[in-house]
Amino acid sequence: MVLVAISLFLLGICLGSFVNALVWRVHQQAKLARIKNKESRIQNKNSIQSSQFSILRGRSMCPNCKHQLSTNDLLPLISWLLLRGRCRYCNKPISWQYPAVELVLGIVFITSYLFWPYSFEGSGQALLLGTWLISSVGLLALSVYDFKWMLLPNRILYPTLWVASAGRAIYILGYDSSKLHSLLNWALAVAVASGIFFLLFVISKGKWIGYGDVRLGLVTGTLLVGPQEALLMIFLASILGTIFVLPALLSGKEKLVGKLPYGPFLIGSTYVVVIFG
C-alpha cells in the first residue's frame, strides 16, 4: 500500500508538470488562432511556429525567453527548487503555479487512493479509480486555465468528458449489477450538474454564468454517483466561492458585479464529494 501510494504521488507530480505544459500550449494555440483569424502575421526573430505548441510533439520551453528546456529543467518540483524559481537561461522568475500544480495533482493522486470510499475487491473499483485519476488531470488543467483566463477550453474539456464517460460506461456495462438504476443515476447527476447552470445561463442570457460551466457539468455529473452528490457539489462550490471572494468584498477591493472563475470551485468540490462525500 505504501509503495502504491508513493508511486501514485510521483506519477501525480509528473502529470502535474504535463498539466502546466498543456495549459500554456493550449493558450498559445488559441492566441495563434486569433492572429490567423485576423489575417495577421508576426515576422520577427522571436516568432514561433504553431507546431512548437503541439500538445504531443512540442518541446518544453521557457514561457519568457522561449529557450528549449533540458531534462534537468523538467524534474517536477525538484527543478524549480534547484533553480530557485528562476529560468536557467533568462533568469526571469518562474511562476509559483508550476510547482503548486505539480504538488496539487500529486496530493490528489495519493489521497484518492488512500481515501477511495469503496473496496478494491475485483477490478471494477480499480477501473473507476483509474478513470477518476485520469479525469483529474483534465479537471486540474481546466481549473488552472479558468483561474488564469476565465475560460474552460473545449480542447481540454471534451477529452476529459470522453475519458469520464468511457470509464463509467464500461463499469456499468461490465461490473454493475444494477445497470438501469446506475444509468438513471448517471443521467440525473448530469441533469443536476449541467442542467441547473444551463437554466441560469438561459434566464440571465449569459450574464450570471458562462456556458463553459454548463459543459463542465457534463464532466462532473459523470464522475459523481447520482443527483444527491451533484447537488452537494454545487452547494460546496458556492461555499468555496463565497469564502474566496468574501475578504475582497469586505475590504472593498471587489464588487458584487465582478466576475469570478467558477470552474475551479466546481472542480474542487467535485474532488471533495467523490472522495469524501
C-alpha atoms as a PDB file:
ATOM      1  CA  MET A   1       0.000   0.000   0.000  1.00  0.00           C
ATOM      2  CA  VAL A   2       2.822   2.411   0.859  1.00  0.00           C
ATOM      3  CA  LEU A   3       4.647   1.639  -2.379  1.00  0.00           C
ATOM      4  CA  VAL A   4       1.479   2.170  -4.408  1.00  0.00           C
ATOM      5  CA  ALA A   5       0.798   5.479  -2.649  1.00  0.00           C
ATOM      6  CA  ILE A   6       4.359   6.716  -3.239  1.00  0.00           C
ATOM      7  CA  SER A   7       4.208   5.632  -6.884  1.00  0.00           C
ATOM      8  CA  LEU A   8       0.908   7.433  -7.387  1.00  0.00           C
ATOM      9  CA  PHE A   9       2.284  10.599  -5.792  1.00  0.00           C
ATOM     10  CA  LEU A  10       5.308  10.551  -8.113  1.00  0.00           C
ATOM     11  CA  LEU A  11       3.051   9.880 -11.090  1.00  0.00           C
ATOM     12  CA  GLY A  12       0.814  12.739  -9.983  1.00  0.00           C
ATOM     13  CA  ILE A  13       3.578  15.342  -9.805  1.00  0.00           C
ATOM     14  CA  CYS A  14       4.885  14.200 -13.217  1.00  0.00           C
ATOM     15  CA  LEU A  15       1.423  14.570 -14.736  1.00  0.00           C
ATOM     16  CA  GLY A  16       1.132  17.901 -12.925  1.00  0.00           C
ATOM     17  CA  SER A  17       4.122  19.043 -14.979  1.00  0.00           C
ATOM     18  CA  PHE A  18       2.216  17.915 -18.071  1.00  0.00           C
ATOM     19  CA  VAL A  19      -0.807  19.947 -16.914  1.00  0.00           C
ATOM     20  CA  ASN A  20       1.318  23.093 -16.777  1.00  0.00           C
ATOM     21  CA  ALA A  21       2.609  22.477 -20.294  1.00  0.00           C
ATOM     22  CA  LEU A  22      -0.876  21.612 -21.564  1.00  0.00           C
ATOM     23  CA  VAL A  23      -2.458  24.788 -20.194  1.00  0.00           C
ATOM     24  CA  TRP A  24       0.249  27.027 -21.645  1.00  0.00           C
ATOM     25  CA  ARG A  25       0.277  25.349 -25.062  1.00  0.00           C
ATOM     26  CA  VAL A  26      -3.500  25.399 -25.438  1.00  0.00           C
ATOM     27  CA  HIS A  27      -3.482  29.102 -24.584  1.00  0.00           C
ATOM     28  CA  GLN A  28      -0.677  29.808 -27.057  1.00  0.00           C
ATOM     29  CA  GLN A  29      -2.523  27.864 -29.764  1.00  0.00           C
ATOM     30  CA  ALA A  30      -5.634  29.936 -29.081  1.00  0.00           C
ATOM     31  CA  LYS A  31      -3.604  33.149 -29.425  1.00  0.00           C
ATOM     32  CA  LEU A  32      -2.140  31.993 -32.743  1.00  0.00           C
ATOM     33  CA  ALA A  33      -5.612  31.060 -33.972  1.00  0.00           C
ATOM     34  CA  ARG A  34      -6.865  34.562 -33.190  1.00  0.00           C
ATOM     35  CA  ILE A  35      -3.951  36.076 -35.091  1.00  0.00           C
ATOM     36  CA  LYS A  36      -4.685  33.831 -38.059  1.00  0.00           C
ATOM     37  CA  ASN A  37      -8.370  34.735 -37.998  1.00  0.00           C
ATOM     38  CA  LYS A  38      -7.421  38.413 -38.203  1.00  0.00           C
ATOM     39  CA  GLU A  39      -5.172  37.538 -41.169  1.00  0.00           C
ATOM     40  CA  SER A  40      -2.186  38.942 -39.336  1.00  0.00           C
ATOM     41  CA  ARG A  41       1.393  37.782 -39.434  1.00  0.00           C
ATOM     42  CA  ILE A  42       4.168  38.183 -36.885  1.00  0.00           C
ATOM     43  CA  GLN A  43       7.505  38.149 -38.637  1.00  0.00           C
ATOM     44  CA  ASN A  44      10.444  38.772 -36.363  1.00  0.00           C
ATOM     45  CA  LYS A  45      13.269  36.807 -34.828  1.00  0.00           C
ATOM     46  CA  ASN A  46      11.120  35.791 -31.858  1.00  0.00           C
ATOM     47  CA  SER A  47       8.263  34.342 -33.907  1.00  0.00           C
ATOM     48  CA  ILE A  48       7.425  30.716 -33.182  1.00  0.00           C
ATOM     49  CA  GLN A  49       5.705  28.185 -35.425  1.00  0.00           C
ATOM     50  CA  SER A  50       2.412  26.744 -34.190  1.00  0.00           C
ATOM     51  CA  SER A  51       3.892  23.231 -34.350  1.00  0.00           C
ATOM     52  CA  GLN A  52       6.107  24.140 -31.401  1.00  0.00           C
ATOM     53  CA  PHE A  53       2.971  24.467 -29.287  1.00  0.00           C
ATOM     54  CA  SER A  54       1.752  20.986 -30.224  1.00  0.00           C
ATOM     55  CA  ILE A  55       0.483  19.130 -27.168  1.00  0.00           C
ATOM     56  CA  LEU A  56       2.044  15.831 -28.240  1.00  0.00           C
ATOM     57  CA  ARG A  57       5.040  16.882 -30.367  1.00  0.00           C
ATOM     58  CA  GLY A  58       6.052  20.245 -28.946  1.00  0.00           C
ATOM     59  CA  ARG A  59       9.153  20.568 -26.771  1.00  0.00           C
ATOM     60  CA  SER A  60       9.025  22.296 -23.400  1.00  0.00           C
ATOM     61  CA  MET A  61      10.316  25.873 -23.383  1.00  0.00           C
ATOM     62  CA  CYS A  62      10.605  28.845 -21.086  1.00  0.00           C
ATOM     63  CA  PRO A  63       7.432  30.962 -21.454  1.00  0.00           C
ATOM     64  CA  ASN A  64       9.566  34.113 -21.190  1.00  0.00           C
ATOM     65  CA  CYS A  65      12.635  33.605 -23.395  1.00  0.00           C
ATOM     66  CA  LYS A  66      11.232  30.615 -25.354  1.00  0.00           C
ATOM     67  CA  HIS A  67      14.508  28.686 -24.843  1.00  0.00           C
ATOM     68  CA  GLN A  68      14.039  24.923 -25.144  1.00  0.00           C
ATOM     69  CA  LEU A  69      14.363  23.293 -21.740  1.00  0.00           C
ATOM     70  CA  SER A  70      16.693  20.402 -20.989  1.00  0.00           C
ATOM     71  CA  THR A  71      15.852  17.300 -18.979  1.00  0.00           C
ATOM     72  CA  ASN A  72      17.401  18.830 -15.862  1.00  0.00           C
ATOM     73  CA  ASP A  73      14.919  21.699 -16.116  1.00  0.00           C
ATOM     74  CA  LEU A  74      11.893  19.412 -16.216  1.00  0.00           C
ATOM     75  CA  LEU A  75      12.137  17.441 -12.964  1.00  0.00           C
ATOM     76  CA  PRO A  76       8.817  18.007 -11.151  1.00  0.00           C
ATOM     77  CA  LEU A  77       9.217  20.172  -8.020  1.00  0.00           C
ATOM     78  CA  ILE A  78      12.972  19.476  -7.863  1.00  0.00           C
ATOM     79  CA  SER A  79      13.959  21.650 -10.842  1.00  0.00           C
ATOM     80  CA  TRP A  80      12.005  24.645  -9.555  1.00  0.00           C
ATOM     81  CA  LEU A  81      13.661  24.317  -6.149  1.00  0.00           C
ATOM     82  CA  LEU A  82      17.168  23.850  -7.555  1.00  0.00           C
ATOM     83  CA  LEU A  83      16.744  26.809  -9.900  1.00  0.00           C
ATOM     84  CA  ARG A  84      15.329  28.861  -7.008  1.00  0.00           C
ATOM     85  CA  GLY A  85      12.282  29.706  -9.058  1.00  0.00           C
ATOM     86  CA  ARG A  86      14.189  31.313 -11.949  1.00  0.00           C
ATOM     87  CA  CYS A  87      14.846  30.333 -15.546  1.00  0.00           C
ATOM     88  CA  ARG A  88      18.322  28.945 -16.134  1.00  0.00           C
ATOM     89  CA  TYR A  89      18.647  30.882 -19.412  1.00  0.00           C
ATOM     90  CA  CYS A  90      16.982  34.290 -18.936  1.00  0.00           C
ATOM     91  CA  ASN A  91      16.986  34.395 -15.117  1.00  0.00           C
ATOM     92  CA  LYS A  92      13.379  35.593 -15.059  1.00  0.00           C
ATOM     93  CA  PRO A  93      11.111  34.276 -12.282  1.00  0.00           C
ATOM     94  CA  ILE A  94       9.254  31.023 -12.878  1.00  0.00           C
ATOM     95  CA  SER A  95       5.688  31.282 -11.633  1.00  0.00           C
ATOM     96  CA  TRP A  96       4.808  29.501  -8.389  1.00  0.00           C
ATOM     97  CA  GLN A  97       1.989  27.968 -10.437  1.00  0.00           C
ATOM     98  CA  TYR A  98       4.336  25.288 -11.780  1.00  0.00           C
ATOM     99  CA  PRO A  99       5.380  23.589  -8.511  1.00  0.00           C
ATOM    100  CA  ALA A 100       1.945  24.264  -6.973  1.00  0.00           C
ATOM    101  CA  VAL A 101       0.098  22.442  -9.767  1.00  0.00           C
ATOM    102  CA  GLU A 102       2.551  19.533  -9.627  1.00  0.00           C
ATOM    103  CA  LEU A 103       2.132  19.236  -5.865  1.00  0.00           C
ATOM    104  CA  VAL A 104      -1.664  19.528  -6.025  1.00  0.00           C
ATOM    105  CA  LEU A 105      -2.005  16.705  -8.536  1.00  0.00           C
ATOM    106  CA  GLY A 106       0.381  14.546  -6.508  1.00  0.00           C
ATOM    107  CA  ILE A 107      -1.805  15.121  -3.453  1.00  0.00           C
ATOM    108  CA  VAL A 108      -4.966  14.370  -5.450  1.00  0.00           C
ATOM    109  CA  PHE A 109      -3.496  11.074  -6.659  1.00  0.00           C
ATOM    110  CA  ILE A 110      -2.280   9.860  -3.287  1.00  0.00           C
ATOM    111  CA  THR A 111      -5.373  10.923  -1.322  1.00  0.00           C
ATOM    112  CA  SER A 112      -7.699   9.460  -3.949  1.00  0.00           C
ATOM    113  CA  TYR A 113      -6.037   6.101  -3.444  1.00  0.00           C
ATOM    114  CA  LEU A 114      -5.775   6.265   0.341  1.00  0.00           C
ATOM    115  CA  PHE A 115      -9.332   7.524   0.894  1.00  0.00           C
ATOM    116  CA  TRP A 116     -11.138   5.856  -2.004  1.00  0.00           C
ATOM    117  CA  PRO A 117     -14.604   5.259  -0.485  1.00  0.00           C
ATOM    118  CA  TYR A 118     -15.132   1.757  -1.906  1.00  0.00           C
ATOM    119  CA  SER A 119     -13.457  -1.607  -1.565  1.00  0.00           C
ATOM    120  CA  PHE A 120     -10.931  -2.636  -4.203  1.00  0.00           C
ATOM    121  CA  GLU A 121     -12.253  -6.190  -4.356  1.00  0.00           C
ATOM    122  CA  GLY A 122     -12.397  -7.100  -8.028  1.00  0.00           C
ATOM    123  CA  SER A 123     -11.264  -4.886 -10.891  1.00  0.00           C
ATOM    124  CA  GLY A 124     -14.365  -2.693 -11.105  1.00  0.00           C
ATOM    125  CA  GLN A 125     -13.287  -0.182  -8.458  1.00  0.00           C
ATOM    126  CA  ALA A 126      -9.769  -0.097  -9.870  1.00  0.00           C
ATOM    127  CA  LEU A 127     -11.348   0.911 -13.185  1.00  0.00           C
ATOM    128  CA  LEU A 128     -13.331   3.699 -11.518  1.00  0.00           C
ATOM    129  CA  LEU A 129     -10.284   4.928  -9.604  1.00  0.00           C
ATOM    130  CA  GLY A 130      -8.219   4.923 -12.788  1.00  0.00           C
ATOM    131  CA  THR A 131     -10.968   6.821 -14.596  1.00  0.00           C
ATOM    132  CA  TRP A 132     -11.092   9.364 -11.788  1.00  0.00           C
ATOM    133  CA  LEU A 133      -7.305   9.840 -11.735  1.00  0.00           C
ATOM    134  CA  ILE A 134      -7.063  10.334 -15.500  1.00  0.00           C
ATOM    135  CA  SER A 135     -10.061  12.676 -15.448  1.00  0.00           C
ATOM    136  CA  SER A 136      -8.497  14.654 -12.594  1.00  0.00           C
ATOM    137  CA  VAL A 137      -5.592  15.553 -14.898  1.00  0.00           C
ATOM    138  CA  GLY A 138      -8.008  17.241 -17.285  1.00  0.00           C
ATOM    139  CA  LEU A 139     -10.004  18.778 -14.442  1.00  0.00           C
ATOM    140  CA  LEU A 140      -6.901  20.361 -12.934  1.00  0.00           C
ATOM    141  CA  ALA A 141      -5.908  21.738 -16.332  1.00  0.00           C
ATOM    142  CA  LEU A 142      -9.394  23.226 -16.723  1.00  0.00           C
ATOM    143  CA  SER A 143      -9.204  24.699 -13.234  1.00  0.00           C
ATOM    144  CA  VAL A 144      -5.852  26.391 -13.894  1.00  0.00           C
ATOM    145  CA  TYR A 145      -6.961  27.676 -17.291  1.00  0.00           C
ATOM    146  CA  ASP A 146     -10.221  29.075 -15.922  1.00  0.00           C
ATOM    147  CA  PHE A 147      -8.477  30.691 -12.970  1.00  0.00           C
ATOM    148  CA  LYS A 148      -5.975  32.449 -15.248  1.00  0.00           C
ATOM    149  CA  TRP A 149      -8.130  33.359 -18.246  1.00  0.00           C
ATOM    150  CA  MET A 150     -11.750  32.740 -17.132  1.00  0.00           C
ATOM    151  CA  LEU A 151     -12.355  30.207 -19.863  1.00  0.00           C
ATOM    152  CA  LEU A 152     -12.914  26.436 -19.986  1.00  0.00           C
ATOM    153  CA  PRO A 153     -11.479  25.410 -23.375  1.00  0.00           C
ATOM    154  CA  ASN A 154     -13.209  22.631 -25.281  1.00  0.00           C
ATOM    155  CA  ARG A 155      -9.820  21.196 -26.288  1.00  0.00           C
ATOM    156  CA  ILE A 156      -9.356  20.103 -22.681  1.00  0.00           C
ATOM    157  CA  LEU A 157     -12.966  19.726 -21.607  1.00  0.00           C
ATOM    158  CA  TYR A 158     -14.189  17.289 -24.265  1.00  0.00           C
ATOM    159  CA  PRO A 159     -11.317  14.765 -23.955  1.00  0.00           C
ATOM    160  CA  THR A 160     -11.866  14.805 -20.180  1.00  0.00           C
ATOM    161  CA  LEU A 161     -15.575  14.174 -20.732  1.00  0.00           C
ATOM    162  CA  TRP A 162     -14.758  11.302 -23.084  1.00  0.00           C
ATOM    163  CA  VAL A 163     -12.484   9.627 -20.504  1.00  0.00           C
ATOM    164  CA  ALA A 164     -15.023  10.054 -17.691  1.00  0.00           C
ATOM    165  CA  SER A 165     -17.908   8.782 -19.825  1.00  0.00           C
ATOM    166  CA  ALA A 166     -15.990   5.804 -21.211  1.00  0.00           C
ATOM    167  CA  GLY A 167     -14.861   4.711 -17.748  1.00  0.00           C
ATOM    168  CA  ARG A 168     -18.322   4.951 -16.239  1.00  0.00           C
ATOM    169  CA  ALA A 169     -19.999   3.235 -19.204  1.00  0.00           C
ATOM    170  CA  ILE A 170     -17.525   0.332 -19.100  1.00  0.00           C
ATOM    171  CA  TYR A 171     -18.050  -0.039 -15.353  1.00  0.00           C
ATOM    172  CA  ILE A 172     -21.845  -0.048 -15.622  1.00  0.00           C
ATOM    173  CA  LEU A 173     -21.963  -2.463 -18.549  1.00  0.00           C
ATOM    174  CA  GLY A 174     -19.250  -4.794 -17.291  1.00  0.00           C
ATOM    175  CA  TYR A 175     -19.374  -4.734 -13.493  1.00  0.00           C
ATOM    176  CA  ASP A 176     -22.582  -3.130 -12.202  1.00  0.00           C
ATOM    177  CA  SER A 177     -25.408  -5.470 -11.198  1.00  0.00           C
ATOM    178  CA  SER A 178     -28.000  -2.636 -11.268  1.00  0.00           C
ATOM    179  CA  LYS A 179     -27.389  -1.326 -14.747  1.00  0.00           C
ATOM    180  CA  LEU A 180     -30.678   0.523 -15.289  1.00  0.00           C
ATOM    181  CA  HIS A 181     -30.537   2.149 -11.857  1.00  0.00           C
ATOM    182  CA  SER A 182     -26.937   3.267 -12.415  1.00  0.00           C
ATOM    183  CA  LEU A 183     -27.717   4.651 -15.866  1.00  0.00           C
ATOM    184  CA  LEU A 184     -30.628   6.608 -14.386  1.00  0.00           C
ATOM    185  CA  ASN A 185     -28.416   7.986 -11.610  1.00  0.00           C
ATOM    186  CA  TRP A 186     -25.841   8.998 -14.214  1.00  0.00           C
ATOM    187  CA  ALA A 187     -28.461  10.847 -16.257  1.00  0.00           C
ATOM    188  CA  LEU A 188     -29.895  12.583 -13.188  1.00  0.00           C
ATOM    189  CA  ALA A 189     -26.433  13.597 -11.928  1.00  0.00           C
ATOM    190  CA  VAL A 190     -25.648  15.182 -15.298  1.00  0.00           C
ATOM    191  CA  ALA A 191     -29.077  16.827 -15.379  1.00  0.00           C
ATOM    192  CA  VAL A 192     -28.398  18.454 -11.999  1.00  0.00           C
ATOM    193  CA  ALA A 193     -24.716  19.318 -12.503  1.00  0.00           C
ATOM    194  CA  SER A 194     -25.225  20.730 -16.001  1.00  0.00           C
ATOM    195  CA  GLY A 195     -28.950  21.473 -16.170  1.00  0.00           C
ATOM    196  CA  ILE A 196     -29.041  23.953 -13.293  1.00  0.00           C
ATOM    197  CA  PHE A 197     -26.309  26.028 -14.897  1.00  0.00           C
ATOM    198  CA  PHE A 198     -27.999  25.762 -18.287  1.00  0.00           C
ATOM    199  CA  LEU A 199     -31.165  27.254 -16.811  1.00  0.00           C
ATOM    200  CA  LEU A 200     -29.159  30.043 -15.157  1.00  0.00           C
ATOM    201  CA  PHE A 201     -27.387  30.705 -18.455  1.00  0.00           C
ATOM    202  CA  VAL A 202     -30.655  30.896 -20.407  1.00  0.00           C
ATOM    203  CA  ILE A 203     -32.505  33.016 -17.822  1.00  0.00           C
ATOM    204  CA  SER A 204     -29.652  35.516 -17.489  1.00  0.00           C
ATOM    205  CA  LYS A 205     -28.698  35.379 -21.181  1.00  0.00           C
ATOM    206  CA  GLY A 206     -25.148  34.508 -20.162  1.00  0.00           C
ATOM    207  CA  LYS A 207     -24.751  37.330 -17.617  1.00  0.00           C
ATOM    208  CA  TRP A 208     -24.762  35.183 -14.469  1.00  0.00           C
ATOM    209  CA  ILE A 209     -22.715  32.227 -15.629  1.00  0.00           C
ATOM    210  CA  GLY A 210     -20.664  31.161 -18.634  1.00  0.00           C
ATOM    211  CA  TYR A 211     -21.598  28.324 -20.943  1.00  0.00           C
ATOM    212  CA  GLY A 212     -18.323  26.609 -20.107  1.00  0.00           C
ATOM    213  CA  ASP A 213     -19.740  25.821 -16.671  1.00  0.00           C
ATOM    214  CA  VAL A 214     -22.713  24.159 -18.385  1.00  0.00           C
ATOM    215  CA  ARG A 215     -20.351  21.892 -20.326  1.00  0.00           C
ATOM    216  CA  LEU A 216     -18.227  21.287 -17.229  1.00  0.00           C
ATOM    217  CA  GLY A 217     -21.359  19.919 -15.551  1.00  0.00           C
ATOM    218  CA  LEU A 218     -21.355  17.094 -18.098  1.00  0.00           C
ATOM    219  CA  VAL A 219     -17.956  16.012 -16.745  1.00  0.00           C
ATOM    220  CA  THR A 220     -18.614  16.492 -13.040  1.00  0.00           C
ATOM    221  CA  GLY A 221     -22.049  14.866 -13.293  1.00  0.00           C
ATOM    222  CA  THR A 222     -20.486  11.842 -14.970  1.00  0.00           C
ATOM    223  CA  LEU A 223     -17.880  11.469 -12.230  1.00  0.00           C
ATOM    224  CA  LEU A 224     -20.409  11.755  -9.392  1.00  0.00           C
ATOM    225  CA  VAL A 225     -22.594   8.847  -8.263  1.00  0.00           C
ATOM    226  CA  GLY A 226     -26.017  10.458  -8.505  1.00  0.00           C
ATOM    227  CA  PRO A 227     -28.136  13.628  -8.244  1.00  0.00           C
ATOM    228  CA  GLN A 228     -27.661  13.987  -4.473  1.00  0.00           C
ATOM    229  CA  GLU A 229     -23.897  14.149  -4.912  1.00  0.00           C
ATOM    230  CA  ALA A 230     -24.321  16.648  -7.765  1.00  0.00           C
ATOM    231  CA  LEU A 231     -26.396  18.926  -5.528  1.00  0.00           C
ATOM    232  CA  LEU A 232     -23.814  18.619  -2.755  1.00  0.00           C
ATOM    233  CA  MET A 233     -21.074  19.512  -5.251  1.00  0.00           C
ATOM    234  CA  ILE A 234     -22.867  22.703  -6.313  1.00  0.00           C
ATOM    235  CA  PHE A 235     -23.554  23.616  -2.679  1.00  0.00           C
ATOM    236  CA  LEU A 236     -19.900  23.162  -1.684  1.00  0.00           C
ATOM    237  CA  ALA A 237     -18.729  25.107  -4.750  1.00  0.00           C
ATOM    238  CA  SER A 238     -20.931  28.023  -3.700  1.00  0.00           C
ATOM    239  CA  ILE A 239     -19.444  27.952  -0.201  1.00  0.00           C
ATOM    240  CA  LEU A 240     -15.872  27.792  -1.541  1.00  0.00           C
ATOM    241  CA  GLY A 241     -16.544  30.668  -3.933  1.00  0.00           C
ATOM    242  CA  THR A 242     -18.029  32.755  -1.140  1.00  0.00           C
ATOM    243  CA  ILE A 243     -15.078  32.093   1.171  1.00  0.00           C
ATOM    244  CA  PHE A 244     -12.675  33.030  -1.628  1.00  0.00           C
ATOM    245  CA  VAL A 245     -14.306  36.331  -2.551  1.00  0.00           C
ATOM    246  CA  LEU A 246     -15.573  37.454   0.875  1.00  0.00           C
ATOM    247  CA  PRO A 247     -12.307  39.054   2.100  1.00  0.00           C
ATOM    248  CA  ALA A 248     -12.085  41.137  -1.091  1.00  0.00           C
ATOM    249  CA  LEU A 249     -15.734  42.189  -0.753  1.00  0.00           C
ATOM    250  CA  LEU A 250     -15.274  43.231   2.875  1.00  0.00           C
ATOM    251  CA  SER A 251     -12.146  45.225   2.044  1.00  0.00           C
ATOM    252  CA  GLY A 252     -13.859  46.981  -0.857  1.00  0.00           C
ATOM    253  CA  LYS A 253     -11.419  45.630  -3.460  1.00  0.00           C
ATOM    254  CA  GLU A 254     -14.181  43.698  -5.221  1.00  0.00           C
ATOM    255  CA  LYS A 255     -17.805  44.439  -6.020  1.00  0.00           C
ATOM    256  CA  LEU A 256     -20.723  42.030  -6.276  1.00  0.00           C
ATOM    257  CA  VAL A 257     -20.906  42.737 -10.021  1.00  0.00           C
ATOM    258  CA  GLY A 258     -17.347  41.499 -10.516  1.00  0.00           C
ATOM    259  CA  LYS A 259     -16.615  38.291 -12.396  1.00  0.00           C
ATOM    260  CA  LEU A 260     -15.340  35.159 -10.680  1.00  0.00           C
ATOM    261  CA  PRO A 261     -13.984  31.994 -12.336  1.00  0.00           C
ATOM    262  CA  TYR A 262     -16.416  29.398 -11.019  1.00  0.00           C
ATOM    263  CA  GLY A 263     -14.812  26.348 -12.634  1.00  0.00           C
ATOM    264  CA  PRO A 264     -12.065  25.867 -10.016  1.00  0.00           C
ATOM    265  CA  PHE A 265     -14.632  25.807  -7.212  1.00  0.00           C
ATOM    266  CA  LEU A 266     -16.860  23.313  -9.049  1.00  0.00           C
ATOM    267  CA  ILE A 267     -13.840  21.102  -9.708  1.00  0.00           C
ATOM    268  CA  GLY A 268     -12.518  21.374  -6.156  1.00  0.00           C
ATOM    269  CA  SER A 269     -15.902  20.488  -4.691  1.00  0.00           C
ATOM    270  CA  THR A 270     -16.193  17.564  -7.117  1.00  0.00           C
ATOM    271  CA  TYR A 271     -12.966  16.171  -5.672  1.00  0.00           C
ATOM    272  CA  VAL A 272     -14.291  16.535  -2.120  1.00  0.00           C
ATOM    273  CA  VAL A 273     -17.605  14.841  -2.945  1.00  0.00           C
ATOM    274  CA  VAL A 274     -16.063  11.990  -4.966  1.00  0.00           C
ATOM    275  CA  ILE A 275     -13.557  11.096  -2.246  1.00  0.00           C
ATOM    276  CA  PHE A 276     -15.285  12.158   0.973  1.00  0.00           C
ATOM    277  CA  GLY A 277     -18.925  12.799   0.050  1.00  0.00           C
END
